[in-house]
Amino acid sequence: MKVSETIVNQAIDELVINREKKRAIQQMTTKELTAYLVRIYRFGFEDGATACEEAAKMEAEKALPFEEVQVDWDDVLKLIREVKGIGPKTAAKIDEKFKEAF
């Protein structure tokens, strides 16, 4: 995914480097400069992750909600009993566990 020129120009406008900042950067040791650049990278990464989360939320809101389906529990048990290997005892245990949980 590419970043639009508008966003790049906005970042340039927000990241103003004045004389004092330039001098401070020039006087940094390699370790200090590395830490400074990593902080800038981290802020960009976090902003990108936030933008992705917001975009995902917007897409989820656009999605149509699922319709609620009403199912009779006896019909569910009947289907469970039809599964090969599920006998009456196992079906009864399944029924008991679901009734305990719900």
PDB file of N, CA and C in Angstrom:
ATOM      1  N   MET A   1       0.841  -1.163   0.000  1.00  0.00           N
ATOM      2  CA  MET A   1       0.000   0.000   0.000  1.00  0.00           C
ATOM      3  C   MET A   1       0.893   1.236   0.000  1.00  0.00           C
ATOM      4  N   LYS A   2       0.626   2.142  -0.898  1.00  0.00           N
ATOM      5  CA  LYS A   2       1.425   3.350  -1.007  1.00  0.00           C
ATOM      6  C   LYS A   2       0.776   4.477  -0.213  1.00  0.00           C
ATOM      7  N   VAL A   3       1.609   5.383   0.254  1.00  0.00           N
ATOM      8  CA  VAL A   3       1.145   6.545   1.009  1.00  0.00           C
ATOM      9  C   VAL A   3       0.955   7.692   0.029  1.00  0.00           C
ATOM     10  N   SER A   4      -0.142   8.398   0.155  1.00  0.00           N
ATOM     11  CA  SER A   4      -0.431   9.481  -0.773  1.00  0.00           C
ATOM     12  C   SER A   4       0.512  10.660  -0.553  1.00  0.00           C
ATOM     13  N   GLU A   5       0.694  11.448  -1.585  1.00  0.00           N
ATOM     14  CA  GLU A   5       1.554  12.629  -1.495  1.00  0.00           C
ATOM     15  C   GLU A   5       1.003  13.627  -0.481  1.00  0.00           C
ATOM     16  N   THR A   6      -0.301  13.675  -0.343  1.00  0.00           N
ATOM     17  CA  THR A   6      -0.919  14.576   0.628  1.00  0.00           C
ATOM     18  C   THR A   6      -0.460  14.241   2.037  1.00  0.00           C
ATOM     19  N   ILE A   7      -0.452  12.962   2.371  1.00  0.00           N
ATOM     20  CA  ILE A   7      -0.015  12.526   3.695  1.00  0.00           C
ATOM     21  C   ILE A   7       1.472  12.820   3.881  1.00  0.00           C
ATOM     22  N   VAL A   8       2.274  12.599   2.840  1.00  0.00           N
ATOM     23  CA  VAL A   8       3.708  12.866   2.921  1.00  0.00           C
ATOM     24  C   VAL A   8       3.942  14.355   3.160  1.00  0.00           C
ATOM     25  N   ASN A   9       3.236  15.203   2.418  1.00  0.00           N
ATOM     26  CA  ASN A   9       3.393  16.649   2.587  1.00  0.00           C
ATOM     27  C   ASN A   9       2.935  17.095   3.970  1.00  0.00           C
ATOM     28  N   GLN A  10       1.894  16.473   4.481  1.00  0.00           N
ATOM     29  CA  GLN A  10       1.418  16.794   5.828  1.00  0.00           C
ATOM     30  C   GLN A  10       2.485  16.418   6.855  1.00  0.00           C
ATOM     31  N   ALA A  11       3.123  15.277   6.681  1.00  0.00           N
ATOM     32  CA  ALA A  11       4.188  14.860   7.599  1.00  0.00           C
ATOM     33  C   ALA A  11       5.369  15.816   7.528  1.00  0.00           C
ATOM     34  N   ILE A  12       5.693  16.270   6.331  1.00  0.00           N
ATOM     35  CA  ILE A  12       6.795  17.226   6.168  1.00  0.00           C
ATOM     36  C   ILE A  12       6.472  18.522   6.903  1.00  0.00           C
ATOM     37  N   ASP A  13       5.227  18.986   6.775  1.00  0.00           N
ATOM     38  CA  ASP A  13       4.822  20.211   7.461  1.00  0.00           C
ATOM     39  C   ASP A  13       4.873  20.065   8.978  1.00  0.00           C
ATOM     40  N   GLU A  14       4.538  18.880   9.480  1.00  0.00           N
ATOM     41  CA  GLU A  14       4.520  18.660  10.920  1.00  0.00           C
ATOM     42  C   GLU A  14       5.920  18.413  11.484  1.00  0.00           C
ATOM     43  N   LEU A  15       6.826  17.919  10.657  1.00  0.00           N
ATOM     44  CA  LEU A  15       8.180  17.608  11.112  1.00  0.00           C
ATOM     45  C   LEU A  15       9.110  18.755  10.718  1.00  0.00           C
ATOM     46  N   VAL A  16       8.974  19.844  11.424  1.00  0.00           N
ATOM     47  CA  VAL A  16       9.781  21.027  11.135  1.00  0.00           C
ATOM     48  C   VAL A  16      11.114  20.890  11.858  1.00  0.00           C
ATOM     49  N   ILE A  17      12.176  21.029  11.084  1.00  0.00           N
ATOM     50  CA  ILE A  17      13.512  20.996  11.678  1.00  0.00           C
ATOM     51  C   ILE A  17      14.093  22.412  11.563  1.00  0.00           C
ATOM     52  N   ASN A  18      14.168  23.061  12.690  1.00  0.00           N
ATOM     53  CA  ASN A  18      14.736  24.404  12.720  1.00  0.00           C
ATOM     54  C   ASN A  18      16.241  24.311  12.939  1.00  0.00           C
ATOM     55  N   ARG A  19      16.888  25.469  13.040  1.00  0.00           N
ATOM     56  CA  ARG A  19      18.348  25.485  13.201  1.00  0.00           C
ATOM     57  C   ARG A  19      18.796  24.754  14.452  1.00  0.00           C
ATOM     58  N   GLU A  20      18.077  24.989  15.551  1.00  0.00           N
ATOM     59  CA  GLU A  20      18.468  24.353  16.807  1.00  0.00           C
ATOM     60  C   GLU A  20      18.381  22.829  16.705  1.00  0.00           C
ATOM     61  N   LYS A  21      17.297  22.365  16.081  1.00  0.00           N
ATOM     62  CA  LYS A  21      17.116  20.915  15.933  1.00  0.00           C
ATOM     63  C   LYS A  21      18.201  20.339  15.023  1.00  0.00           C
ATOM     64  N   LYS A  22      18.509  21.062  13.943  1.00  0.00           N
ATOM     65  CA  LYS A  22      19.540  20.594  13.016  1.00  0.00           C
ATOM     66  C   LYS A  22      20.891  20.507  13.722  1.00  0.00           C
ATOM     67  N   ARG A  23      21.219  21.531  14.497  1.00  0.00           N
ATOM     68  CA  ARG A  23      22.486  21.516  15.229  1.00  0.00           C
ATOM     69  C   ARG A  23      22.522  20.372  16.237  1.00  0.00           C
ATOM     70  N   ALA A  24      21.386  20.165  16.912  1.00  0.00           N
ATOM     71  CA  ALA A  24      21.322  19.079  17.891  1.00  0.00           C
ATOM     72  C   ALA A  24      21.540  17.734  17.210  1.00  0.00           C
ATOM     73  N   ILE A  25      20.956  17.549  16.042  1.00  0.00           N
ATOM     74  CA  ILE A  25      21.112  16.291  15.299  1.00  0.00           C
ATOM     75  C   ILE A  25      22.566  16.131  14.854  1.00  0.00           C
ATOM     76  N   GLN A  26      23.172  17.213  14.392  1.00  0.00           N
ATOM     77  CA  GLN A  26      24.559  17.136  13.922  1.00  0.00           C
ATOM     78  C   GLN A  26      25.522  16.802  15.062  1.00  0.00           C
ATOM     79  N   GLN A  27      25.182  17.191  16.276  1.00  0.00           N
ATOM     80  CA  GLN A  27      26.070  16.951  17.408  1.00  0.00           C
ATOM     81  C   GLN A  27      25.818  15.607  18.083  1.00  0.00           C
ATOM     82  N   MET A  28      24.814  14.882  17.622  1.00  0.00           N
ATOM     83  CA  MET A  28      24.505  13.583  18.232  1.00  0.00           C
ATOM     84  C   MET A  28      25.587  12.564  17.919  1.00  0.00           C
ATOM     85  N   THR A  29      25.799  11.667  18.880  1.00  0.00           N
ATOM     86  CA  THR A  29      26.677  10.530  18.623  1.00  0.00           C
ATOM     87  C   THR A  29      25.903   9.539  17.757  1.00  0.00           C
ATOM     88  N   THR A  30      26.595   8.557  17.262  1.00  0.00           N
ATOM     89  CA  THR A  30      25.934   7.536  16.438  1.00  0.00           C
ATOM     90  C   THR A  30      24.832   6.839  17.228  1.00  0.00           C
ATOM     91  N   LYS A  31      25.105   6.562  18.473  1.00  0.00           N
ATOM     92  CA  LYS A  31      24.116   5.888  19.318  1.00  0.00           C
ATOM     93  C   LYS A  31      22.893   6.776  19.542  1.00  0.00           C
ATOM     94  N   GLU A  32      23.117   8.054  19.808  1.00  0.00           N
ATOM     95  CA  GLU A  32      22.008   8.994  20.015  1.00  0.00           C
ATOM     96  C   GLU A  32      21.185   9.172  18.744  1.00  0.00           C
ATOM     97  N   LEU A  33      21.873   9.281  17.600  1.00  0.00           N
ATOM     98  CA  LEU A  33      21.171   9.428  16.332  1.00  0.00           C
ATOM     99  C   LEU A  33      20.345   8.187  16.021  1.00  0.00           C
ATOM    100  N   THR A  34      20.905   7.027  16.293  1.00  0.00           N
ATOM    101  CA  THR A  34      20.164   5.780  16.077  1.00  0.00           C
ATOM    102  C   THR A  34      18.909   5.751  16.940  1.00  0.00           C
ATOM    103  N   ALA A  35      19.033   6.098  18.207  1.00  0.00           N
ATOM    104  CA  ALA A  35      17.868   6.122  19.104  1.00  0.00           C
ATOM    105  C   ALA A  35      16.834   7.130  18.620  1.00  0.00           C
ATOM    106  N   TYR A  36      17.290   8.294  18.162  1.00  0.00           N
ATOM    107  CA  TYR A  36      16.385   9.334  17.647  1.00  0.00           C
ATOM    108  C   TYR A  36      15.612   8.822  16.431  1.00  0.00           C
ATOM    109  N   LEU A  37      16.320   8.203  15.504  1.00  0.00           N
ATOM    110  CA  LEU A  37      15.668   7.688  14.290  1.00  0.00           C
ATOM    111  C   LEU A  37      14.719   6.542  14.611  1.00  0.00           C
ATOM    112  N   VAL A  38      15.087   5.711  15.563  1.00  0.00           N
ATOM    113  CA  VAL A  38      14.206   4.605  15.956  1.00  0.00           C
ATOM    114  C   VAL A  38      12.919   5.157  16.573  1.00  0.00           C
ATOM    115  N   ARG A  39      13.038   6.229  17.387  1.00  0.00           N
ATOM    116  CA  ARG A  39      11.831   6.844  17.951  1.00  0.00           C
ATOM    117  C   ARG A  39      10.929   7.375  16.857  1.00  0.00           C
ATOM    118  N   ILE A  40      11.519   8.032  15.859  1.00  0.00           N
ATOM    119  CA  ILE A  40      10.718   8.540  14.733  1.00  0.00           C
ATOM    120  C   ILE A  40      10.045   7.380  14.010  1.00  0.00           C
ATOM    121  N   TYR A  41      10.791   6.305  13.775  1.00  0.00           N
ATOM    122  CA  TYR A  41      10.228   5.127  13.118  1.00  0.00           C
ATOM    123  C   TYR A  41       9.075   4.555  13.939  1.00  0.00           C
ATOM    124  N   ARG A  42       9.271   4.453  15.261  1.00  0.00           N
ATOM    125  CA  ARG A  42       8.235   3.904  16.133  1.00  0.00           C
ATOM    126  C   ARG A  42       6.959   4.733  16.057  1.00  0.00           C
ATOM    127  N   PHE A  43       7.099   6.063  16.094  1.00  0.00           N
ATOM    128  CA  PHE A  43       5.920   6.922  16.002  1.00  0.00           C
ATOM    129  C   PHE A  43       5.201   6.701  14.681  1.00  0.00           C
ATOM    130  N   GLY A  44       5.952   6.579  13.594  1.00  0.00           N
ATOM    131  CA  GLY A  44       5.339   6.330  12.290  1.00  0.00           C
ATOM    132  C   GLY A  44       4.654   4.973  12.241  1.00  0.00           C
ATOM    133  N   PHE A  45       5.311   3.984  12.823  1.00  0.00           N
ATOM    134  CA  PHE A  45       4.732   2.641  12.849  1.00  0.00           C
ATOM    135  C   PHE A  45       3.433   2.632  13.645  1.00  0.00           C
ATOM    136  N   GLU A  46       3.449   3.275  14.818  1.00  0.00           N
ATOM    137  CA  GLU A  46       2.252   3.324  15.654  1.00  0.00           C
ATOM    138  C   GLU A  46       1.126   4.082  14.961  1.00  0.00           C
ATOM    139  N   ASP A  47       1.457   5.194  14.300  1.00  0.00           N
ATOM    140  CA  ASP A  47       0.435   5.939  13.567  1.00  0.00           C
ATOM    141  C   ASP A  47      -0.149   5.089  12.440  1.00  0.00           C
ATOM    142  N   GLY A  48       0.708   4.334  11.755  1.00  0.00           N
ATOM    143  CA  GLY A  48       0.228   3.462  10.687  1.00  0.00           C
ATOM    144  C   GLY A  48      -0.671   2.354  11.215  1.00  0.00           C
ATOM    145  N   ALA A  49      -0.279   1.768  12.353  1.00  0.00           N
ATOM    146  CA  ALA A  49      -1.090   0.707  12.956  1.00  0.00           C
ATOM    147  C   ALA A  49      -2.441   1.255  13.390  1.00  0.00           C
ATOM    148  N   THR A  50      -2.446   2.454  13.962  1.00  0.00           N
ATOM    149  CA  THR A  50      -3.705   3.083  14.373  1.00  0.00           C
ATOM    150  C   THR A  50      -4.593   3.343  13.162  1.00  0.00           C
ATOM    151  N   ALA A  51      -3.988   3.831  12.086  1.00  0.00           N
ATOM    152  CA  ALA A  51      -4.754   4.090  10.863  1.00  0.00           C
ATOM    153  C   ALA A  51      -5.351   2.797  10.313  1.00  0.00           C
ATOM    154  N   CYS A  52      -4.595   1.697  10.380  1.00  0.00           N
ATOM    155  CA  CYS A  52      -5.106   0.407   9.911  1.00  0.00           C
ATOM    156  C   CYS A  52      -6.268  -0.070  10.772  1.00  0.00           C
ATOM    157  N   GLU A  53      -6.140   0.088  12.087  1.00  0.00           N
ATOM    158  CA  GLU A  53      -7.226  -0.311  12.988  1.00  0.00           C
ATOM    159  C   GLU A  53      -8.494   0.485  12.700  1.00  0.00           C
ATOM    160  N   GLU A  54      -8.339   1.796  12.510  1.00  0.00           N
ATOM    161  CA  GLU A  54      -9.493   2.638  12.216  1.00  0.00           C
ATOM    162  C   GLU A  54     -10.129   2.259  10.887  1.00  0.00           C
ATOM    163  N   ALA A  55      -9.304   1.965   9.883  1.00  0.00           N
ATOM    164  CA  ALA A  55      -9.830   1.555   8.579  1.00  0.00           C
ATOM    165  C   ALA A  55     -10.570   0.228   8.700  1.00  0.00           C
ATOM    166  N   ALA A  56     -10.035  -0.701   9.493  1.00  0.00           N
ATOM    167  CA  ALA A  56     -10.698  -1.995   9.687  1.00  0.00           C
ATOM    168  C   ALA A  56     -12.036  -1.810  10.400  1.00  0.00           C
ATOM    169  N   LYS A  57     -12.075  -0.921  11.389  1.00  0.00           N
ATOM    170  CA  LYS A  57     -13.338  -0.654  12.085  1.00  0.00           C
ATOM    171  C   LYS A  57     -14.373  -0.069  11.132  1.00  0.00           C
ATOM    172  N   MET A  58     -13.930   0.850  10.271  1.00  0.00           N
ATOM    173  CA  MET A  58     -14.850   1.457   9.319  1.00  0.00           C
ATOM    174  C   MET A  58     -15.396   0.408   8.351  1.00  0.00           C
ATOM    175  N   GLU A  59     -14.537  -0.497   7.903  1.00  0.00           N
ATOM    176  CA  GLU A  59     -14.983  -1.564   7.000  1.00  0.00           C
ATOM    177  C   GLU A  59     -15.954  -2.506   7.706  1.00  0.00           C
ATOM    178  N   ALA A  60     -15.678  -2.802   8.970  1.00  0.00           N
ATOM    179  CA  ALA A  60     -16.563  -3.683   9.732  1.00  0.00           C
ATOM    180  C   ALA A  60     -17.933  -3.041   9.923  1.00  0.00           C
ATOM    181  N   GLU A  61     -17.950  -1.730  10.117  1.00  0.00           N
ATOM    182  CA  GLU A  61     -19.227  -1.038  10.279  1.00  0.00           C
ATOM    183  C   GLU A  61     -20.028  -1.036   8.984  1.00  0.00           C
ATOM    184  N   LYS A  62     -19.316  -1.044   7.859  1.00  0.00           N
ATOM    185  CA  LYS A  62     -19.993  -1.061   6.562  1.00  0.00           C
ATOM    186  C   LYS A  62     -20.613  -2.421   6.264  1.00  0.00           C
ATOM    187  N   ALA A  63     -20.017  -3.473   6.825  1.00  0.00           N
ATOM    188  CA  ALA A  63     -20.480  -4.835   6.553  1.00  0.00           C
ATOM    189  C   ALA A  63     -21.900  -5.008   7.091  1.00  0.00           C
ATOM    190  N   LEU A  64     -22.654  -5.772   6.375  1.00  0.00           N
ATOM    191  CA  LEU A  64     -24.024  -6.033   6.807  1.00  0.00           C
ATOM    192  C   LEU A  64     -24.027  -6.933   8.030  1.00  0.00           C
ATOM    193  N   PRO A  65     -24.858  -6.633   9.001  1.00  0.00           N
ATOM    194  CA  PRO A  65     -24.912  -7.503  10.182  1.00  0.00           C
ATOM    195  C   PRO A  65     -25.553  -8.839   9.829  1.00  0.00           C
ATOM    196  N   PHE A  66     -25.108  -9.852  10.532  1.00  0.00           N
ATOM    197  CA  PHE A  66     -25.673 -11.171  10.323  1.00  0.00           C
ATOM    198  C   PHE A  66     -27.052 -11.230  10.963  1.00  0.00           C
ATOM    199  N   GLU A  67     -27.916 -11.970  10.321  1.00  0.00           N
ATOM    200  CA  GLU A  67     -29.238 -12.163  10.905  1.00  0.00           C
ATOM    201  C   GLU A  67     -29.149 -13.219  11.994  1.00  0.00           C
ATOM    202  N   GLU A  68     -29.858 -12.999  13.056  1.00  0.00           N
ATOM    203  CA  GLU A  68     -29.888 -13.970  14.134  1.00  0.00           C
ATOM    204  C   GLU A  68     -30.759 -15.142  13.704  1.00  0.00           C
ATOM    205  N   VAL A  69     -30.257 -16.335  13.942  1.00  0.00           N
ATOM    206  CA  VAL A  69     -30.976 -17.545  13.544  1.00  0.00           C
ATOM    207  C   VAL A  69     -31.450 -18.247  14.816  1.00  0.00           C
ATOM    208  N   GLN A  70     -32.706 -18.584  14.835  1.00  0.00           N
ATOM    209  CA  GLN A  70     -33.276 -19.320  15.955  1.00  0.00           C
ATOM    210  C   GLN A  70     -33.266 -20.802  15.612  1.00  0.00           C
ATOM    211  N   VAL A  71     -32.661 -21.599  16.485  1.00  0.00           N
ATOM    212  CA  VAL A  71     -32.572 -23.035  16.260  1.00  0.00           C
ATOM    213  C   VAL A  71     -33.089 -23.751  17.494  1.00  0.00           C
ATOM    214  N   ASP A  72     -33.868 -24.759  17.265  1.00  0.00           N
ATOM    215  CA  ASP A  72     -34.393 -25.551  18.369  1.00  0.00           C
ATOM    216  C   ASP A  72     -33.303 -26.515  18.846  1.00  0.00           C
ATOM    217  N   TRP A  73     -33.083 -26.573  20.162  1.00  0.00           N
ATOM    218  CA  TRP A  73     -32.026 -27.404  20.712  1.00  0.00           C
ATOM    219  C   TRP A  73     -32.240 -28.883  20.407  1.00  0.00           C
ATOM    220  N   ASP A  74     -33.466 -29.327  20.360  1.00  0.00           N
ATOM    221  CA  ASP A  74     -33.739 -30.732  20.034  1.00  0.00           C
ATOM    222  C   ASP A  74     -33.286 -31.062  18.614  1.00  0.00           C
ATOM    223  N   ASP A  75     -33.440 -30.103  17.699  1.00  0.00           N
ATOM    224  CA  ASP A  75     -32.970 -30.323  16.328  1.00  0.00           C
ATOM    225  C   ASP A  75     -31.435 -30.419  16.287  1.00  0.00           C
ATOM    226  N   VAL A  76     -30.779 -29.617  17.109  1.00  0.00           N
ATOM    227  CA  VAL A  76     -29.316 -29.668  17.171  1.00  0.00           C
ATOM    228  C   VAL A  76     -28.875 -31.028  17.707  1.00  0.00           C
ATOM    229  N   LEU A  77     -29.503 -31.478  18.781  1.00  0.00           N
ATOM    230  CA  LEU A  77     -29.159 -32.790  19.339  1.00  0.00           C
ATOM    231  C   LEU A  77     -29.406 -33.905  18.331  1.00  0.00           C
ATOM    232  N   LYS A  78     -30.471 -33.776  17.581  1.00  0.00           N
ATOM    233  CA  LYS A  78     -30.788 -34.793  16.567  1.00  0.00           C
ATOM    234  C   LYS A  78     -29.650 -34.865  15.542  1.00  0.00           C
ATOM    235  N   LEU A  79     -29.150 -33.714  15.116  1.00  0.00           N
ATOM    236  CA  LEU A  79     -28.044 -33.699  14.158  1.00  0.00           C
ATOM    237  C   LEU A  79     -26.767 -34.258  14.779  1.00  0.00           C
ATOM    238  N   ILE A  80     -26.533 -33.939  16.052  1.00  0.00           N
ATOM    239  CA  ILE A  80     -25.346 -34.462  16.737  1.00  0.00           C
ATOM    240  C   ILE A  80     -25.409 -35.984  16.802  1.00  0.00           C
ATOM    241  N   ARG A  81     -26.570 -36.531  17.086  1.00  0.00           N
ATOM    242  CA  ARG A  81     -26.732 -37.996  17.175  1.00  0.00           C
ATOM    243  C   ARG A  81     -26.489 -38.689  15.839  1.00  0.00           C
ATOM    244  N   GLU A  82     -26.688 -37.936  14.736  1.00  0.00           N
ATOM    245  CA  GLU A  82     -26.491 -38.515  13.408  1.00  0.00           C
ATOM    246  C   GLU A  82     -25.015 -38.622  13.021  1.00  0.00           C
ATOM    247  N   VAL A  83     -24.138 -37.981  13.788  1.00  0.00           N
ATOM    248  CA  VAL A  83     -22.704 -38.033  13.493  1.00  0.00           C
ATOM    249  C   VAL A  83     -22.191 -39.420  13.862  1.00  0.00           C
ATOM    250  N   LYS A  84     -21.425 -40.005  12.941  1.00  0.00           N
ATOM    251  CA  LYS A  84     -20.891 -41.339  13.163  1.00  0.00           C
ATOM    252  C   LYS A  84     -19.983 -41.325  14.385  1.00  0.00           C
ATOM    253  N   GLY A  85     -20.177 -42.247  15.296  1.00  0.00           N
ATOM    254  CA  GLY A  85     -19.371 -42.348  16.498  1.00  0.00           C
ATOM    255  C   GLY A  85     -20.017 -41.694  17.718  1.00  0.00           C
ATOM    256  N   ILE A  86     -21.095 -40.985  17.523  1.00  0.00           N
ATOM    257  CA  ILE A  86     -21.801 -40.350  18.647  1.00  0.00           C
ATOM    258  C   ILE A  86     -22.982 -41.246  19.014  1.00  0.00           C
ATOM    259  N   GLY A  87     -22.843 -41.874  20.155  1.00  0.00           N
ATOM    260  CA  GLY A  87     -23.914 -42.738  20.628  1.00  0.00           C
ATOM    261  C   GLY A  87     -24.817 -41.991  21.598  1.00  0.00           C
ATOM    262  N   PRO A  88     -25.817 -42.699  22.145  1.00  0.00           N
ATOM    263  CA  PRO A  88     -26.749 -42.064  23.064  1.00  0.00           C
ATOM    264  C   PRO A  88     -26.071 -41.505  24.322  1.00  0.00           C
ATOM    265  N   LYS A  89     -25.060 -42.207  24.841  1.00  0.00           N
ATOM    266  CA  LYS A  89     -24.385 -41.739  26.044  1.00  0.00           C
ATOM    267  C   LYS A  89     -23.620 -40.438  25.771  1.00  0.00           C
ATOM    268  N   THR A  90     -22.902 -40.406  24.660  1.00  0.00           N
ATOM    269  CA  THR A  90     -22.132 -39.209  24.311  1.00  0.00           C
ATOM    270  C   THR A  90     -23.069 -38.047  24.026  1.00  0.00           C
ATOM    271  N   ALA A  91     -24.165 -38.309  23.322  1.00  0.00           N
ATOM    272  CA  ALA A  91     -25.130 -37.258  23.038  1.00  0.00           C
ATOM    273  C   ALA A  91     -25.733 -36.713  24.336  1.00  0.00           C
ATOM    274  N   ALA A  92     -25.983 -37.593  25.286  1.00  0.00           N
ATOM    275  CA  ALA A  92     -26.529 -37.165  26.575  1.00  0.00           C
ATOM    276  C   ALA A  92     -25.510 -36.305  27.326  1.00  0.00           C
ATOM    277  N   LYS A  93     -24.219 -36.681  27.256  1.00  0.00           N
ATOM    278  CA  LYS A  93     -23.171 -35.881  27.901  1.00  0.00           C
ATOM    279  C   LYS A  93     -23.057 -34.500  27.255  1.00  0.00           C
ATOM    280  N   ILE A  94     -23.143 -34.464  25.934  1.00  0.00           N
ATOM    281  CA  ILE A  94     -23.091 -33.188  25.210  1.00  0.00           C
ATOM    282  C   ILE A  94     -24.263 -32.313  25.629  1.00  0.00           C
ATOM    283  N   ASP A  95     -25.442 -32.910  25.664  1.00  0.00           N
ATOM    284  CA  ASP A  95     -26.649 -32.189  26.065  1.00  0.00           C
ATOM    285  C   ASP A  95     -26.494 -31.638  27.484  1.00  0.00           C
ATOM    286  N   GLU A  96     -25.971 -32.447  28.373  1.00  0.00           N
ATOM    287  CA  GLU A  96     -25.794 -32.040  29.771  1.00  0.00           C
ATOM    288  C   GLU A  96     -24.813 -30.872  29.890  1.00  0.00           C
ATOM    289  N   LYS A  97     -23.690 -30.959  29.174  1.00  0.00           N
ATOM    290  CA  LYS A  97     -22.674 -29.903  29.231  1.00  0.00           C
ATOM    291  C   LYS A  97     -23.211 -28.578  28.692  1.00  0.00           C
ATOM    292  N   PHE A  98     -23.935 -28.650  27.591  1.00  0.00           N
ATOM    293  CA  PHE A  98     -24.497 -27.418  27.031  1.00  0.00           C
ATOM    294  C   PHE A  98     -25.541 -26.810  27.959  1.00  0.00           C
ATOM    295  N   LYS A  99     -26.330 -27.630  28.567  1.00  0.00           N
ATOM    296  CA  LYS A  99     -27.337 -27.106  29.496  1.00  0.00           C
ATOM    297  C   LYS A  99     -26.682 -26.488  30.731  1.00  0.00           C
ATOM    298  N   GLU A 100     -25.545 -27.045  31.176  1.00  0.00           N
ATOM    299  CA  GLU A 100     -24.807 -26.449  32.290  1.00  0.00           C
ATOM    300  C   GLU A 100     -24.226 -25.089  31.890  1.00  0.00           C
ATOM    301  N   ALA A 101     -23.726 -25.029  30.676  1.00  0.00           N
ATOM    302  CA  ALA A 101     -23.066 -23.800  30.219  1.00  0.00           C
ATOM    303  C   ALA A 101     -24.051 -22.685  29.883  1.00  0.00           C
ATOM    304  N   PHE A 102     -25.196 -23.065  29.360  1.00  0.00           N
ATOM    305  CA  PHE A 102     -26.156 -22.057  28.912  1.00  0.00           C
ATOM    306  C   PHE A 102     -27.457 -22.201  29.670  1.00  0.00           C
TER     307      PHE A 102
END
